[in-house]
N, C-alpha and C. Protein backbone atom coordinates (compact mmCIF):
# COMPACT_ATOMS: atom_id res chain seq x y z
N GLU A 1 0.68 -1.19 0.01
CA GLU A 1 -0.06 0.21 -0.06
C GLU A 1 0.74 1.16 -0.17
N ILE A 2 0.57 2.27 -0.67
CA ILE A 2 1.21 3.53 -0.70
C ILE A 2 -0.02 4.48 -0.45
N LEU A 3 0.42 5.40 0.77
CA LEU A 3 -0.50 6.26 1.03
C LEU A 3 0.33 7.74 0.89
N ILE A 4 -0.43 8.57 -0.05
CA ILE A 4 0.27 9.76 -0.19
C ILE A 4 -0.53 10.68 0.76
N MET A 5 0.33 11.39 1.49
CA MET A 5 -0.14 12.34 2.51
C MET A 5 -0.70 13.33 2.03
N ASN A 6 -1.97 13.89 2.12
CA ASN A 6 -2.50 15.05 1.69
C ASN A 6 -2.50 15.89 3.02
N ASN A 7 -3.25 17.16 3.19
CA ASN A 7 -3.24 17.97 4.13
C ASN A 7 -4.10 17.31 5.33
N GLU A 8 -5.28 16.89 4.92
CA GLU A 8 -6.19 16.42 5.65
C GLU A 8 -5.74 15.16 6.50
N LEU A 9 -4.76 13.96 5.79
CA LEU A 9 -4.01 12.91 6.50
C LEU A 9 -2.84 13.53 7.37
N LYS A 10 -2.28 14.40 7.11
CA LYS A 10 -1.17 15.03 7.58
C LYS A 10 -1.80 15.77 9.17
N ARG A 11 -2.89 16.39 8.95
CA ARG A 11 -3.73 16.86 10.44
C ARG A 11 -3.98 15.94 11.06
N LEU A 12 -4.65 14.93 10.51
CA LEU A 12 -5.32 14.01 11.47
C LEU A 12 -3.98 13.21 12.18
N VAL A 13 -2.79 12.85 11.62
CA VAL A 13 -1.55 12.30 12.27
C VAL A 13 -1.03 13.28 13.17
N ASN A 14 -0.84 14.59 12.87
CA ASN A 14 -0.25 15.38 13.95
C ASN A 14 -1.46 15.83 14.94
N ASP A 15 -2.71 15.36 14.78
CA ASP A 15 -3.65 15.53 15.93
C ASP A 15 -3.86 14.33 16.60
N HIS A 16 -3.02 13.20 16.40
CA HIS A 16 -2.93 11.84 17.08
C HIS A 16 -4.24 11.35 16.94
N ALA A 17 -4.95 11.49 15.81
CA ALA A 17 -6.21 10.71 15.47
C ALA A 17 -5.97 9.29 15.53
N ASP A 18 -6.99 8.52 15.93
CA ASP A 18 -7.21 7.03 16.05
C ASP A 18 -6.91 6.53 14.41
N ILE A 19 -6.34 5.27 14.57
CA ILE A 19 -6.07 4.71 13.46
C ILE A 19 -7.54 4.55 12.48
N VAL A 20 -8.49 3.95 13.03
CA VAL A 20 -10.01 3.92 12.23
C VAL A 20 -10.00 5.36 11.38
N THR A 21 -9.95 6.43 11.73
CA THR A 21 -10.37 7.59 11.43
C THR A 21 -9.20 7.95 10.48
N ILE A 22 -8.08 7.71 10.67
CA ILE A 22 -6.83 7.94 9.51
C ILE A 22 -6.99 7.06 8.44
N THR A 23 -7.24 5.73 8.62
CA THR A 23 -7.83 4.77 7.79
C THR A 23 -8.87 4.98 6.73
N GLU A 24 -10.01 5.54 7.38
CA GLU A 24 -11.00 6.03 6.65
C GLU A 24 -10.72 7.29 5.64
N ALA A 25 -10.08 8.37 6.27
CA ALA A 25 -9.70 9.57 5.34
C ALA A 25 -8.72 8.88 4.36
N ALA A 26 -7.94 7.94 4.29
CA ALA A 26 -6.98 7.47 3.39
C ALA A 26 -7.97 6.73 2.33
N TYR A 27 -8.83 5.93 2.50
CA TYR A 27 -9.41 5.43 1.77
C TYR A 27 -10.59 6.44 0.86
N LYS A 28 -11.01 7.61 1.46
CA LYS A 28 -11.77 8.52 0.85
C LYS A 28 -10.82 9.25 -0.06
N SER A 29 -9.43 9.49 0.18
CA SER A 29 -8.68 10.26 -0.64
C SER A 29 -8.33 9.23 -1.77
N GLY A 30 -8.48 7.85 -1.74
CA GLY A 30 -8.12 7.05 -2.76
C GLY A 30 -7.10 5.84 -2.78
N MET A 31 -6.62 5.81 -1.37
CA MET A 31 -5.83 4.79 -1.24
C MET A 31 -6.90 3.40 -1.32
N LYS A 32 -6.24 2.36 -1.93
CA LYS A 32 -6.90 1.03 -2.11
C LYS A 32 -6.09 -0.01 -1.11
N PRO A 33 -6.95 -0.74 -0.45
CA PRO A 33 -6.21 -1.67 0.29
C PRO A 33 -5.39 -2.53 -0.45
N LEU A 34 -4.28 -3.18 0.10
CA LEU A 34 -3.52 -4.29 -0.76
C LEU A 34 -4.03 -5.06 -1.39
N ARG A 35 -5.08 -5.88 -0.37
CA ARG A 35 -5.88 -6.92 -1.29
C ARG A 35 -6.66 -6.60 -2.37
N LEU A 36 -7.19 -5.57 -2.26
CA LEU A 36 -8.33 -5.13 -3.38
C LEU A 36 -7.29 -4.78 -4.39
N SER A 37 -6.30 -4.04 -4.29
CA SER A 37 -5.55 -3.52 -5.27
C SER A 37 -4.81 -4.91 -6.13
N GLY A 38 -4.48 -5.91 -5.30
CA GLY A 38 -4.07 -7.32 -5.75
C GLY A 38 -5.14 -7.76 -6.54
N ALA A 39 -6.41 -7.87 -6.07
CA ALA A 39 -7.40 -8.58 -6.90
C ALA A 39 -7.74 -7.69 -8.07
N MET A 40 -7.58 -6.77 -8.45
CA MET A 40 -7.61 -5.71 -9.36
C MET A 40 -6.55 -6.18 -10.40
N LYS A 41 -5.45 -6.48 -9.90
CA LYS A 41 -4.51 -6.80 -10.88
C LYS A 41 -4.46 -8.31 -11.58
N VAL A 42 -5.18 -9.17 -10.53
CA VAL A 42 -5.31 -10.50 -11.12
C VAL A 42 -6.44 -10.43 -12.25
N ALA A 43 -7.42 -9.51 -11.83
CA ALA A 43 -8.80 -9.62 -12.85
C ALA A 43 -8.02 -8.97 -13.95
N GLN A 44 -7.09 -8.28 -14.19
CA GLN A 44 -6.58 -7.40 -15.35
C GLN A 44 -5.42 -8.51 -16.04
N GLY A 45 -5.01 -9.61 -15.21
CA GLY A 45 -4.24 -10.55 -15.73
C GLY A 45 -2.63 -10.16 -15.50
N LEU A 46 -2.67 -9.19 -14.60
CA LEU A 46 -1.22 -8.64 -14.45
C LEU A 46 -0.38 -9.60 -13.30
N THR A 47 -1.29 -10.19 -12.63
CA THR A 47 -0.15 -11.19 -11.63
C THR A 47 -1.33 -12.38 -11.31
N THR A 48 -0.80 -13.01 -10.40
CA THR A 48 -1.43 -14.39 -10.09
C THR A 48 -2.24 -14.25 -8.51
N ILE A 49 -3.09 -15.02 -8.22
CA ILE A 49 -3.74 -14.87 -6.68
C ILE A 49 -2.63 -15.44 -5.93
N ASP A 50 -1.81 -16.39 -6.32
CA ASP A 50 -0.67 -17.01 -5.38
C ASP A 50 0.31 -15.52 -5.09
N GLU A 51 0.54 -14.83 -6.09
CA GLU A 51 1.47 -13.70 -6.01
C GLU A 51 0.84 -12.80 -4.89
N VAL A 52 -0.40 -12.52 -5.04
CA VAL A 52 -1.20 -11.57 -4.11
C VAL A 52 -1.24 -12.04 -2.71
N LEU A 53 -1.55 -13.24 -2.64
CA LEU A 53 -1.37 -13.91 -1.08
C LEU A 53 -0.12 -13.93 -0.39
N LYS A 54 0.74 -14.03 -1.18
CA LYS A 54 2.30 -14.08 -0.58
C LYS A 54 2.48 -12.54 0.13
N VAL A 55 2.25 -11.63 -0.53
CA VAL A 55 2.34 -10.20 -0.16
C VAL A 55 1.09 -9.54 0.76
N ALA A 56 -0.06 -10.16 0.63
CA ALA A 56 -1.24 -9.81 1.37
C ALA A 56 -2.03 -11.13 1.94
N PRO A 57 -1.36 -11.67 2.67
CA PRO A 57 -2.07 -12.94 3.08
C PRO A 57 -3.38 -12.76 3.96
N LEU A 58 -4.34 -13.79 3.72
CA LEU A 58 -5.63 -13.59 4.30
C LEU A 58 -5.41 -13.36 5.88
N MET A 59 -6.33 -13.00 6.58
CA MET A 59 -6.17 -12.65 8.03
C MET A 59 -6.87 -13.94 8.66
N THR A 60 -6.24 -14.53 9.62
CA THR A 60 -7.04 -15.48 10.51
C THR A 60 -7.62 -15.13 11.75
């Protein structure tokens, strides 16, 4: 995952906002979860499910 820090995210971090608030703001600004991004690449034929699961394993 790559998170590009915009002014809103910087403010939240500086204000010590909780992780849920920061995560929601990150998603609203366009960040995609690693597994979702991987699934999109599988659908495009750019990688395999095995490769995605190596870097973003299912949570148990």
